[in-house]
Protein backbone atom coordinates (compact mmCIF):
# COMPACT_ATOMS: atom_id res chain seq x y z
CA MET A 1 -28.02 2.93 -19.94
CA PHE A 2 -29.28 2.74 -16.37
CA LYS A 3 -31.66 0.40 -14.56
CA THR A 4 -33.93 2.00 -12.00
CA SER A 5 -33.82 0.83 -8.42
CA TYR A 6 -36.58 -1.46 -7.12
CA ARG A 7 -39.89 0.25 -6.40
CA SER A 8 -43.11 -1.39 -5.33
CA SER A 9 -45.44 -0.96 -8.28
CA THR A 10 -48.57 -2.64 -9.62
CA CYS A 11 -47.73 -1.40 -13.11
CA ALA A 12 -44.10 -2.18 -13.96
CA THR A 13 -41.30 -4.41 -12.74
CA PHE A 14 -38.41 -2.17 -13.80
CA ILE A 15 -37.38 0.46 -16.31
CA TRP A 16 -34.12 0.65 -18.27
CA GLY A 17 -33.33 4.18 -19.44
CA ASP A 18 -30.81 5.72 -21.81
CA ILE A 19 -30.56 9.47 -21.30
CA LEU A 20 -28.16 10.08 -24.21
CA ARG A 21 -30.45 8.38 -26.77
CA GLY A 22 -33.73 9.51 -25.19
CA MET A 23 -35.14 5.99 -24.95
CA CYS A 24 -36.27 3.52 -22.32
CA GLN A 25 -37.55 -0.04 -21.98
CA VAL A 26 -40.38 -0.78 -19.58
CA THR A 27 -40.99 -4.32 -18.35
CA PHE A 28 -44.57 -4.58 -17.16
CA LYS A 29 -45.86 -6.90 -14.44
CA ASN A 30 -47.37 -9.26 -17.03
CA GLY A 31 -43.88 -9.86 -18.47
CA SER A 32 -44.19 -7.76 -21.62
CA THR A 33 -41.48 -5.29 -22.53
CA VAL A 34 -42.07 -2.11 -24.52
CA GLU A 35 -39.32 0.15 -25.84
CA TYR A 36 -40.01 3.88 -26.12
CA HIS A 37 -38.07 6.38 -28.24
CA ASN A 38 -38.11 10.20 -28.17
CA VAL A 39 -38.51 10.20 -24.39
CA SER A 40 -37.74 13.46 -22.59
CA ARG A 41 -34.17 13.37 -21.34
CA ARG A 42 -35.21 15.54 -18.41
CA ALA A 43 -37.90 13.00 -17.47
CA LEU A 44 -35.37 10.15 -17.68
CA LEU A 45 -32.92 12.05 -15.48
CA ASN A 46 -35.71 12.74 -12.97
CA LEU A 47 -36.57 9.03 -12.89
CA MET A 48 -32.92 8.14 -12.31
CA VAL A 49 -32.25 10.56 -9.44
CA ASN A 50 -35.64 10.40 -7.68
CA PRO A 51 -36.07 6.92 -6.12
CA ASN A 52 -39.48 7.80 -4.63
CA LEU A 53 -41.10 8.50 -8.00
CA SER A 54 -43.92 6.08 -8.82
CA TYR A 55 -43.46 3.96 -11.96
CA GLY A 56 -47.14 4.19 -12.85
CA PHE A 57 -47.22 7.97 -12.46
CA TRP A 58 -44.01 8.36 -14.48
CA ILE A 59 -45.19 6.06 -17.29
CA ASN A 60 -48.59 7.76 -17.58
CA ASP A 61 -47.12 11.25 -17.42
CA ASN A 62 -44.06 10.79 -19.64
CA LEU A 63 -44.71 7.88 -21.99
CA LEU A 64 -48.41 7.37 -22.62
CA SER A 65 -49.45 11.03 -22.77
CA ILE A 66 -46.65 12.11 -25.12
CA ASP A 67 -46.39 11.50 -28.87
CA ASN A 68 -43.38 9.22 -28.95
CA ASN A 69 -42.54 6.05 -30.81
CA ALA A 70 -43.30 2.83 -28.96
CA VAL A 71 -41.81 -0.41 -30.22
CA ALA A 72 -43.11 -3.63 -28.72
CA VAL A 73 -40.23 -5.91 -27.75
CA GLY A 74 -42.58 -8.44 -26.13
CA THR A 75 -46.34 -8.73 -25.78
CA LEU A 76 -48.18 -5.49 -25.10
CA PRO A 77 -50.28 -5.22 -21.96
CA GLU A 78 -54.05 -5.46 -22.51
CA TYR A 79 -54.66 -1.89 -21.37
CA TYR A 80 -52.02 -0.39 -23.66
CA SER A 81 -52.90 0.94 -27.08
CA ILE A 82 -50.70 2.60 -29.66
CA ALA A 83 -52.57 5.53 -31.16
């Protein structure tokens, strides 16, 4: 499991990723943490090796627009909905 390096973001504080399991945990600015399963391993690798990639762009493109399983570890952000 890897923790991404610090990036200035209005969306998330940090992201923990596990390429082998295809999962990640996102800690949002409001303190909530959401765990995602069935995440693209290629997307996780791209997040790990590309320190200039925006958290918000990556989350919208790889987590919210894809049919994966989200498990709330903490409180969900107001703007987040599980469909």
